[in-house]
Amino acid sequence: MKKTDWTDRMLAALVELYPVETTAYTAAVLNLSESTVKLKARELGLVKMAKSRWMERADYIRNHFQECSFSEIGKALGITRMSVGRIAAALGLKRSSEEKHQISSRIRTQMVKRERRRIVFGLEPVTGIRVISNRAKVRVRSNMK
């Protein structure tokens, strides 16, 4: 394994580029491997800056964490609910049991209402929730109105 001789110019470029550029780009500029660049950056105590998109998402999650579910936040941001959960954990956000109950209750109510609407209009149910006892009777009553 060859030891890399770091010049002052290379170190200055590393300090300037590493926090804001990708590791691959920094390695290409310095004409070194990515692992060498990472190792030297770790020795110098350099860390990557948080990306602006991540910061925007984190701000949105922080603002809507108490009243929206992870799925709703993820849908609004265009990311998965698991990604929302990871960002929330990184921010140290936690929900109380009362907040969890309110969110799940609101979601459940929305699902039941959506299923009822589907049945009234004669569509097949999406979930397995039983919202009415006699589907045919409900359809006939809806058509008579």
N, C-alpha and C. Protein backbone atom coordinates (compact mmCIF):
# COMPACT_ATOMS: atom_id res chain seq x y z
N MET A 1 0.84 -1.17 0.00
CA MET A 1 0.00 0.00 0.00
C MET A 1 0.89 1.24 0.00
N LYS A 2 0.61 2.15 -0.92
CA LYS A 2 1.42 3.35 -1.09
C LYS A 2 0.95 4.46 -0.15
N LYS A 3 1.89 5.11 0.51
CA LYS A 3 1.55 6.22 1.39
C LYS A 3 1.48 7.50 0.57
N THR A 4 0.42 8.27 0.78
CA THR A 4 0.23 9.51 0.02
C THR A 4 0.95 10.66 0.71
N ASP A 5 1.73 11.39 -0.06
CA ASP A 5 2.38 12.59 0.45
C ASP A 5 1.46 13.78 0.21
N TRP A 6 0.91 14.31 1.28
CA TRP A 6 -0.04 15.42 1.17
C TRP A 6 0.72 16.75 1.13
N THR A 7 0.51 17.51 0.08
CA THR A 7 1.11 18.85 -0.03
C THR A 7 0.17 19.87 0.60
N ASP A 8 0.70 21.07 0.79
CA ASP A 8 -0.14 22.14 1.35
C ASP A 8 -1.30 22.48 0.41
N ARG A 9 -1.02 22.44 -0.89
CA ARG A 9 -2.07 22.73 -1.87
C ARG A 9 -3.18 21.68 -1.80
N MET A 10 -2.80 20.42 -1.67
CA MET A 10 -3.79 19.33 -1.59
C MET A 10 -4.62 19.47 -0.32
N LEU A 11 -3.97 19.77 0.79
CA LEU A 11 -4.70 19.94 2.06
C LEU A 11 -5.67 21.11 1.99
N ALA A 12 -5.24 22.22 1.36
CA ALA A 12 -6.12 23.38 1.23
C ALA A 12 -7.34 23.04 0.38
N ALA A 13 -7.10 22.30 -0.71
CA ALA A 13 -8.21 21.89 -1.58
C ALA A 13 -9.16 20.95 -0.82
N LEU A 14 -8.60 20.05 -0.05
CA LEU A 14 -9.42 19.12 0.73
C LEU A 14 -10.28 19.87 1.74
N VAL A 15 -9.69 20.80 2.46
CA VAL A 15 -10.42 21.58 3.47
C VAL A 15 -11.53 22.40 2.81
N GLU A 16 -11.25 22.91 1.60
CA GLU A 16 -12.23 23.74 0.91
C GLU A 16 -13.36 22.92 0.30
N LEU A 17 -13.03 21.79 -0.32
CA LEU A 17 -14.01 21.03 -1.09
C LEU A 17 -14.78 19.99 -0.28
N TYR A 18 -14.13 19.32 0.64
CA TYR A 18 -14.74 18.16 1.30
C TYR A 18 -16.09 18.46 1.97
N PRO A 19 -16.24 19.56 2.72
CA PRO A 19 -17.53 19.77 3.39
C PRO A 19 -18.71 20.01 2.44
N VAL A 20 -18.46 20.58 1.26
CA VAL A 20 -19.57 20.98 0.39
C VAL A 20 -19.74 20.12 -0.85
N GLU A 21 -18.70 19.45 -1.30
CA GLU A 21 -18.78 18.63 -2.51
C GLU A 21 -18.86 17.15 -2.14
N THR A 22 -19.20 16.34 -3.15
CA THR A 22 -19.23 14.90 -2.91
C THR A 22 -17.80 14.39 -2.74
N THR A 23 -17.69 13.27 -2.09
CA THR A 23 -16.36 12.69 -1.87
C THR A 23 -15.75 12.27 -3.20
N ALA A 24 -16.58 11.77 -4.12
CA ALA A 24 -16.07 11.34 -5.42
C ALA A 24 -15.48 12.53 -6.19
N TYR A 25 -16.17 13.67 -6.16
CA TYR A 25 -15.67 14.86 -6.85
C TYR A 25 -14.36 15.34 -6.23
N THR A 26 -14.32 15.38 -4.91
CA THR A 26 -13.10 15.82 -4.21
C THR A 26 -11.93 14.90 -4.54
N ALA A 27 -12.20 13.60 -4.57
CA ALA A 27 -11.14 12.64 -4.90
C ALA A 27 -10.66 12.82 -6.34
N ALA A 28 -11.59 13.11 -7.25
CA ALA A 28 -11.20 13.32 -8.65
C ALA A 28 -10.34 14.57 -8.80
N VAL A 29 -10.68 15.63 -8.10
CA VAL A 29 -9.90 16.87 -8.16
C VAL A 29 -8.49 16.64 -7.62
N LEU A 30 -8.39 15.90 -6.53
CA LEU A 30 -7.09 15.64 -5.91
C LEU A 30 -6.33 14.49 -6.56
N ASN A 31 -7.01 13.78 -7.47
CA ASN A 31 -6.42 12.62 -8.16
C ASN A 31 -6.02 11.53 -7.16
N LEU A 32 -6.93 11.28 -6.20
CA LEU A 32 -6.73 10.25 -5.18
C LEU A 32 -7.98 9.38 -5.12
N SER A 33 -7.91 8.30 -4.36
CA SER A 33 -9.08 7.45 -4.18
C SER A 33 -10.02 8.06 -3.13
N GLU A 34 -11.28 7.65 -3.19
CA GLU A 34 -12.26 8.17 -2.23
C GLU A 34 -11.90 7.78 -0.80
N SER A 35 -11.43 6.55 -0.62
CA SER A 35 -11.09 6.11 0.74
C SER A 35 -9.93 6.92 1.32
N THR A 36 -8.96 7.28 0.48
CA THR A 36 -7.84 8.10 0.95
C THR A 36 -8.33 9.48 1.37
N VAL A 37 -9.23 10.04 0.58
CA VAL A 37 -9.78 11.37 0.89
C VAL A 37 -10.58 11.31 2.19
N LYS A 38 -11.39 10.28 2.34
CA LYS A 38 -12.19 10.13 3.57
C LYS A 38 -11.30 9.99 4.80
N LEU A 39 -10.26 9.18 4.67
CA LEU A 39 -9.35 8.94 5.79
C LEU A 39 -8.66 10.24 6.22
N LYS A 40 -8.16 11.00 5.25
CA LYS A 40 -7.47 12.25 5.58
C LYS A 40 -8.45 13.27 6.16
N ALA A 41 -9.67 13.30 5.63
CA ALA A 41 -10.68 14.23 6.15
C ALA A 41 -11.01 13.88 7.60
N ARG A 42 -11.08 12.60 7.90
CA ARG A 42 -11.36 12.17 9.27
C ARG A 42 -10.20 12.56 10.19
N GLU A 43 -8.96 12.41 9.70
CA GLU A 43 -7.79 12.81 10.49
C GLU A 43 -7.82 14.31 10.80
N LEU A 44 -8.26 15.11 9.82
CA LEU A 44 -8.30 16.56 10.00
C LEU A 44 -9.56 17.02 10.75
N GLY A 45 -10.49 16.09 10.99
CA GLY A 45 -11.71 16.44 11.70
C GLY A 45 -12.74 17.15 10.83
N LEU A 46 -12.66 16.95 9.52
CA LEU A 46 -13.62 17.58 8.61
C LEU A 46 -14.90 16.76 8.56
N VAL A 47 -16.02 17.45 8.49
CA VAL A 47 -17.31 16.77 8.37
C VAL A 47 -18.09 17.40 7.23
N LYS A 48 -18.99 16.64 6.66
CA LYS A 48 -19.83 17.14 5.58
C LYS A 48 -20.88 18.09 6.15
N MET A 49 -21.18 19.13 5.39
CA MET A 49 -22.26 20.04 5.79
C MET A 49 -23.59 19.39 5.45
N ALA A 50 -24.63 19.71 6.23
CA ALA A 50 -25.96 19.18 5.94
C ALA A 50 -26.44 19.76 4.62
N LYS A 51 -27.05 18.92 3.82
CA LYS A 51 -27.55 19.36 2.53
C LYS A 51 -28.78 20.23 2.72
N SER A 52 -28.98 21.18 1.83
CA SER A 52 -30.09 22.13 1.98
C SER A 52 -31.44 21.43 1.88
N ARG A 53 -31.55 20.41 1.01
CA ARG A 53 -32.83 19.69 0.88
C ARG A 53 -33.17 18.98 2.19
N TRP A 54 -32.15 18.38 2.82
CA TRP A 54 -32.39 17.70 4.09
C TRP A 54 -32.86 18.70 5.13
N MET A 55 -32.25 19.89 5.14
CA MET A 55 -32.63 20.92 6.11
C MET A 55 -34.07 21.38 5.89
N GLU A 56 -34.48 21.52 4.63
CA GLU A 56 -35.87 21.91 4.33
C GLU A 56 -36.83 20.83 4.82
N ARG A 57 -36.49 19.58 4.55
CA ARG A 57 -37.34 18.48 5.00
C ARG A 57 -37.42 18.43 6.52
N ALA A 58 -36.28 18.62 7.17
CA ALA A 58 -36.25 18.59 8.63
C ALA A 58 -37.10 19.70 9.21
N ASP A 59 -37.07 20.87 8.60
CA ASP A 59 -37.88 22.00 9.07
C ASP A 59 -39.37 21.68 8.92
N TYR A 60 -39.75 21.11 7.77
CA TYR A 60 -41.15 20.75 7.54
C TYR A 60 -41.60 19.70 8.55
N ILE A 61 -40.77 18.69 8.78
CA ILE A 61 -41.11 17.63 9.73
C ILE A 61 -41.25 18.20 11.13
N ARG A 62 -40.35 19.08 11.53
CA ARG A 62 -40.41 19.69 12.86
C ARG A 62 -41.72 20.48 13.03
N ASN A 63 -42.15 21.19 11.97
CA ASN A 63 -43.36 22.01 12.06
C ASN A 63 -44.65 21.20 12.05
N HIS A 64 -44.65 20.03 11.39
CA HIS A 64 -45.87 19.24 11.24
C HIS A 64 -45.86 17.95 12.05
N PHE A 65 -44.85 17.75 12.87
CA PHE A 65 -44.68 16.49 13.58
C PHE A 65 -45.83 16.19 14.54
N GLN A 66 -46.35 17.20 15.21
CA GLN A 66 -47.35 16.98 16.26
C GLN A 66 -48.73 16.64 15.70
N GLU A 67 -49.06 17.11 14.48
CA GLU A 67 -50.43 16.92 14.00
C GLU A 67 -50.56 16.01 12.78
N CYS A 68 -49.47 15.60 12.15
CA CYS A 68 -49.55 14.76 10.95
C CYS A 68 -48.83 13.43 11.17
N SER A 69 -49.32 12.39 10.48
CA SER A 69 -48.66 11.09 10.55
C SER A 69 -47.42 11.10 9.66
N PHE A 70 -46.56 10.11 9.85
CA PHE A 70 -45.36 10.00 9.03
C PHE A 70 -45.72 9.83 7.56
N SER A 71 -46.78 9.08 7.27
CA SER A 71 -47.19 8.87 5.89
C SER A 71 -47.65 10.17 5.25
N GLU A 72 -48.41 10.96 5.98
CA GLU A 72 -48.88 12.24 5.45
C GLU A 72 -47.71 13.19 5.19
N ILE A 73 -46.78 13.25 6.13
CA ILE A 73 -45.61 14.11 5.95
C ILE A 73 -44.78 13.62 4.76
N GLY A 74 -44.60 12.30 4.68
CA GLY A 74 -43.84 11.73 3.57
C GLY A 74 -44.48 12.02 2.22
N LYS A 75 -45.80 11.92 2.15
CA LYS A 75 -46.51 12.21 0.91
C LYS A 75 -46.32 13.68 0.52
N ALA A 76 -46.36 14.57 1.49
CA ALA A 76 -46.19 16.01 1.21
C ALA A 76 -44.76 16.31 0.73
N LEU A 77 -43.78 15.59 1.27
CA LEU A 77 -42.38 15.85 0.92
C LEU A 77 -41.89 15.00 -0.24
N GLY A 78 -42.65 13.95 -0.60
CA GLY A 78 -42.22 13.07 -1.67
C GLY A 78 -41.16 12.07 -1.24
N ILE A 79 -41.19 11.67 0.05
CA ILE A 79 -40.26 10.67 0.57
C ILE A 79 -41.07 9.60 1.30
N THR A 80 -40.41 8.52 1.69
CA THR A 80 -41.11 7.43 2.37
C THR A 80 -41.32 7.77 3.84
N ARG A 81 -42.24 7.03 4.46
CA ARG A 81 -42.49 7.27 5.88
C ARG A 81 -41.30 6.83 6.73
N MET A 82 -40.54 5.87 6.25
CA MET A 82 -39.33 5.45 6.97
C MET A 82 -38.29 6.57 6.97
N SER A 83 -38.17 7.27 5.85
CA SER A 83 -37.25 8.41 5.79
C SER A 83 -37.69 9.50 6.75
N VAL A 84 -39.00 9.73 6.83
CA VAL A 84 -39.53 10.72 7.77
C VAL A 84 -39.18 10.31 9.19
N GLY A 85 -39.34 9.03 9.50
CA GLY A 85 -39.02 8.53 10.84
C GLY A 85 -37.55 8.70 11.18
N ARG A 86 -36.67 8.44 10.21
CA ARG A 86 -35.23 8.60 10.44
C ARG A 86 -34.87 10.06 10.69
N ILE A 87 -35.46 10.97 9.90
CA ILE A 87 -35.16 12.39 10.09
C ILE A 87 -35.68 12.86 11.44
N ALA A 88 -36.90 12.40 11.80
CA ALA A 88 -37.47 12.78 13.10
C ALA A 88 -36.60 12.27 14.24
N ALA A 89 -36.09 11.05 14.11
CA ALA A 89 -35.21 10.50 15.15
C ALA A 89 -33.91 11.29 15.23
N ALA A 90 -33.38 11.70 14.08
CA ALA A 90 -32.15 12.49 14.08
C ALA A 90 -32.37 13.85 14.74
N LEU A 91 -33.59 14.38 14.62
CA LEU A 91 -33.92 15.66 15.25
C LEU A 91 -34.27 15.50 16.72
N GLY A 92 -34.46 14.25 17.16
CA GLY A 92 -34.81 13.99 18.56
C GLY A 92 -36.27 14.24 18.87
N LEU A 93 -37.14 14.13 17.86
CA LEU A 93 -38.57 14.37 18.06
C LEU A 93 -39.24 13.10 18.57
N LYS A 94 -40.09 13.24 19.56
CA LYS A 94 -40.84 12.10 20.10
C LYS A 94 -42.28 12.55 20.32
N ARG A 95 -43.22 11.61 20.13
CA ARG A 95 -44.64 11.89 20.34
C ARG A 95 -45.09 11.29 21.66
N SER A 96 -45.98 12.01 22.33
CA SER A 96 -46.57 11.47 23.55
C SER A 96 -47.64 10.45 23.15
N SER A 97 -48.07 9.63 24.09
CA SER A 97 -49.09 8.63 23.78
C SER A 97 -50.41 9.30 23.39
N GLU A 98 -50.71 10.46 23.97
CA GLU A 98 -51.93 11.19 23.62
C GLU A 98 -51.86 11.69 22.17
N GLU A 99 -50.72 12.18 21.75
CA GLU A 99 -50.57 12.64 20.36
C GLU A 99 -50.68 11.47 19.39
N LYS A 100 -50.07 10.33 19.74
CA LYS A 100 -50.18 9.14 18.90
C LYS A 100 -51.64 8.72 18.75
N HIS A 101 -52.36 8.74 19.87
CA HIS A 101 -53.77 8.35 19.85
C HIS A 101 -54.59 9.30 18.98
N GLN A 102 -54.38 10.59 19.09
CA GLN A 102 -55.14 11.56 18.30
C GLN A 102 -54.88 11.39 16.81
N ILE A 103 -53.64 11.17 16.44
CA ILE A 103 -53.30 11.00 15.02
C ILE A 103 -53.91 9.72 14.47
N SER A 104 -53.77 8.61 15.20
CA SER A 104 -54.33 7.34 14.71
C SER A 104 -55.84 7.39 14.67
N SER A 105 -56.47 8.07 15.61
CA SER A 105 -57.92 8.19 15.62
C SER A 105 -58.39 9.00 14.41
N ARG A 106 -57.70 10.08 14.10
CA ARG A 106 -58.08 10.91 12.95
C ARG A 106 -57.91 10.13 11.65
N ILE A 107 -56.83 9.38 11.52
CA ILE A 107 -56.58 8.58 10.32
C ILE A 107 -57.65 7.50 10.18
N ARG A 108 -57.98 6.83 11.29
CA ARG A 108 -58.99 5.78 11.26
C ARG A 108 -60.34 6.34 10.83
N THR A 109 -60.72 7.50 11.36
CA THR A 109 -61.99 8.14 10.99
C THR A 109 -62.01 8.47 9.51
N GLN A 110 -60.90 8.99 8.98
CA GLN A 110 -60.83 9.30 7.56
C GLN A 110 -60.98 8.04 6.71
N MET A 111 -60.36 6.94 7.13
CA MET A 111 -60.47 5.69 6.38
C MET A 111 -61.89 5.18 6.35
N VAL A 112 -62.57 5.23 7.49
CA VAL A 112 -63.95 4.74 7.57
C VAL A 112 -64.85 5.59 6.68
N LYS A 113 -64.69 6.90 6.72
CA LYS A 113 -65.50 7.78 5.87
C LYS A 113 -65.25 7.50 4.40
N ARG A 114 -63.99 7.29 4.03
CA ARG A 114 -63.64 7.00 2.64
C ARG A 114 -64.27 5.68 2.19
N GLU A 115 -64.24 4.66 3.05
CA GLU A 115 -64.85 3.38 2.72
C GLU A 115 -66.37 3.51 2.56
N ARG A 116 -66.99 4.28 3.44
CA ARG A 116 -68.44 4.48 3.33
C ARG A 116 -68.80 5.14 2.01
N ARG A 117 -68.04 6.15 1.63
CA ARG A 117 -68.30 6.82 0.34
C ARG A 117 -68.17 5.85 -0.81
N ARG A 118 -67.16 5.00 -0.77
CA ARG A 118 -66.97 4.03 -1.86
C ARG A 118 -68.16 3.09 -1.96
N ILE A 119 -68.66 2.63 -0.83
CA ILE A 119 -69.78 1.69 -0.84
C ILE A 119 -71.05 2.36 -1.33
N VAL A 120 -71.29 3.59 -0.90
CA VAL A 120 -72.49 4.32 -1.33
C VAL A 120 -72.50 4.48 -2.84
N PHE A 121 -71.34 4.72 -3.44
CA PHE A 121 -71.27 4.91 -4.89
C PHE A 121 -71.09 3.59 -5.64
N GLY A 122 -71.15 2.47 -4.95
CA GLY A 122 -71.12 1.17 -5.60
C GLY A 122 -69.74 0.67 -5.96
N LEU A 123 -68.70 1.22 -5.37
CA LEU A 123 -67.34 0.77 -5.64
C LEU A 123 -66.93 -0.29 -4.62
N GLU A 124 -65.97 -1.09 -5.01
CA GLU A 124 -65.46 -2.13 -4.11
C GLU A 124 -64.64 -1.48 -3.00
N PRO A 125 -64.68 -2.05 -1.79
CA PRO A 125 -63.88 -1.48 -0.69
C PRO A 125 -62.38 -1.67 -0.94
N VAL A 126 -61.60 -0.74 -0.44
CA VAL A 126 -60.14 -0.80 -0.58
C VAL A 126 -59.53 -1.54 0.60
N THR A 127 -60.04 -1.28 1.79
CA THR A 127 -59.53 -1.93 3.00
C THR A 127 -60.51 -3.01 3.44
N GLY A 128 -60.14 -3.74 4.46
CA GLY A 128 -61.01 -4.79 4.97
C GLY A 128 -61.91 -4.31 6.10
N ILE A 129 -62.04 -3.01 6.26
CA ILE A 129 -62.85 -2.46 7.35
C ILE A 129 -64.33 -2.64 7.02
N ARG A 130 -65.09 -3.19 7.97
CA ARG A 130 -66.54 -3.29 7.78
C ARG A 130 -67.16 -2.01 8.29
N VAL A 131 -67.74 -1.26 7.39
CA VAL A 131 -68.30 0.02 7.78
C VAL A 131 -69.82 -0.01 7.80
N ILE A 132 -70.43 -0.97 7.11
CA ILE A 132 -71.89 -1.11 7.13
C ILE A 132 -72.22 -2.59 7.20
N SER A 133 -73.45 -2.89 7.60
CA SER A 133 -73.82 -4.29 7.75
C SER A 133 -74.42 -4.87 6.47
N ASN A 134 -75.15 -4.07 5.70
CA ASN A 134 -75.82 -4.59 4.50
C ASN A 134 -75.53 -3.65 3.33
N ARG A 135 -74.57 -4.01 2.50
CA ARG A 135 -74.15 -3.14 1.40
C ARG A 135 -75.26 -2.91 0.40
N ALA A 136 -76.00 -3.96 0.06
CA ALA A 136 -77.06 -3.82 -0.95
C ALA A 136 -78.11 -2.83 -0.48
N LYS A 137 -78.50 -2.92 0.79
CA LYS A 137 -79.52 -2.02 1.32
C LYS A 137 -79.04 -0.57 1.29
N VAL A 138 -77.79 -0.35 1.58
CA VAL A 138 -77.24 1.01 1.57
C VAL A 138 -77.23 1.56 0.15
N ARG A 139 -76.88 0.74 -0.83
CA ARG A 139 -76.88 1.19 -2.23
C ARG A 139 -78.28 1.56 -2.68
N VAL A 140 -79.26 0.72 -2.34
CA VAL A 140 -80.65 0.99 -2.74
C VAL A 140 -81.12 2.28 -2.09
N ARG A 141 -80.86 2.45 -0.81
CA ARG A 141 -81.27 3.67 -0.11
C ARG A 141 -80.60 4.90 -0.73
N SER A 142 -79.34 4.77 -1.13
CA SER A 142 -78.63 5.89 -1.75
C SER A 142 -79.23 6.22 -3.10
N ASN A 143 -79.62 5.20 -3.88
CA ASN A 143 -80.21 5.44 -5.20
C ASN A 143 -81.60 6.06 -5.10
N MET A 144 -82.31 5.79 -4.01
CA MET A 144 -83.67 6.31 -3.84
C MET A 144 -83.66 7.79 -3.47
N LYS A 145 -82.57 8.29 -2.97
CA LYS A 145 -82.51 9.70 -2.55
C LYS A 145 -82.53 10.63 -3.72
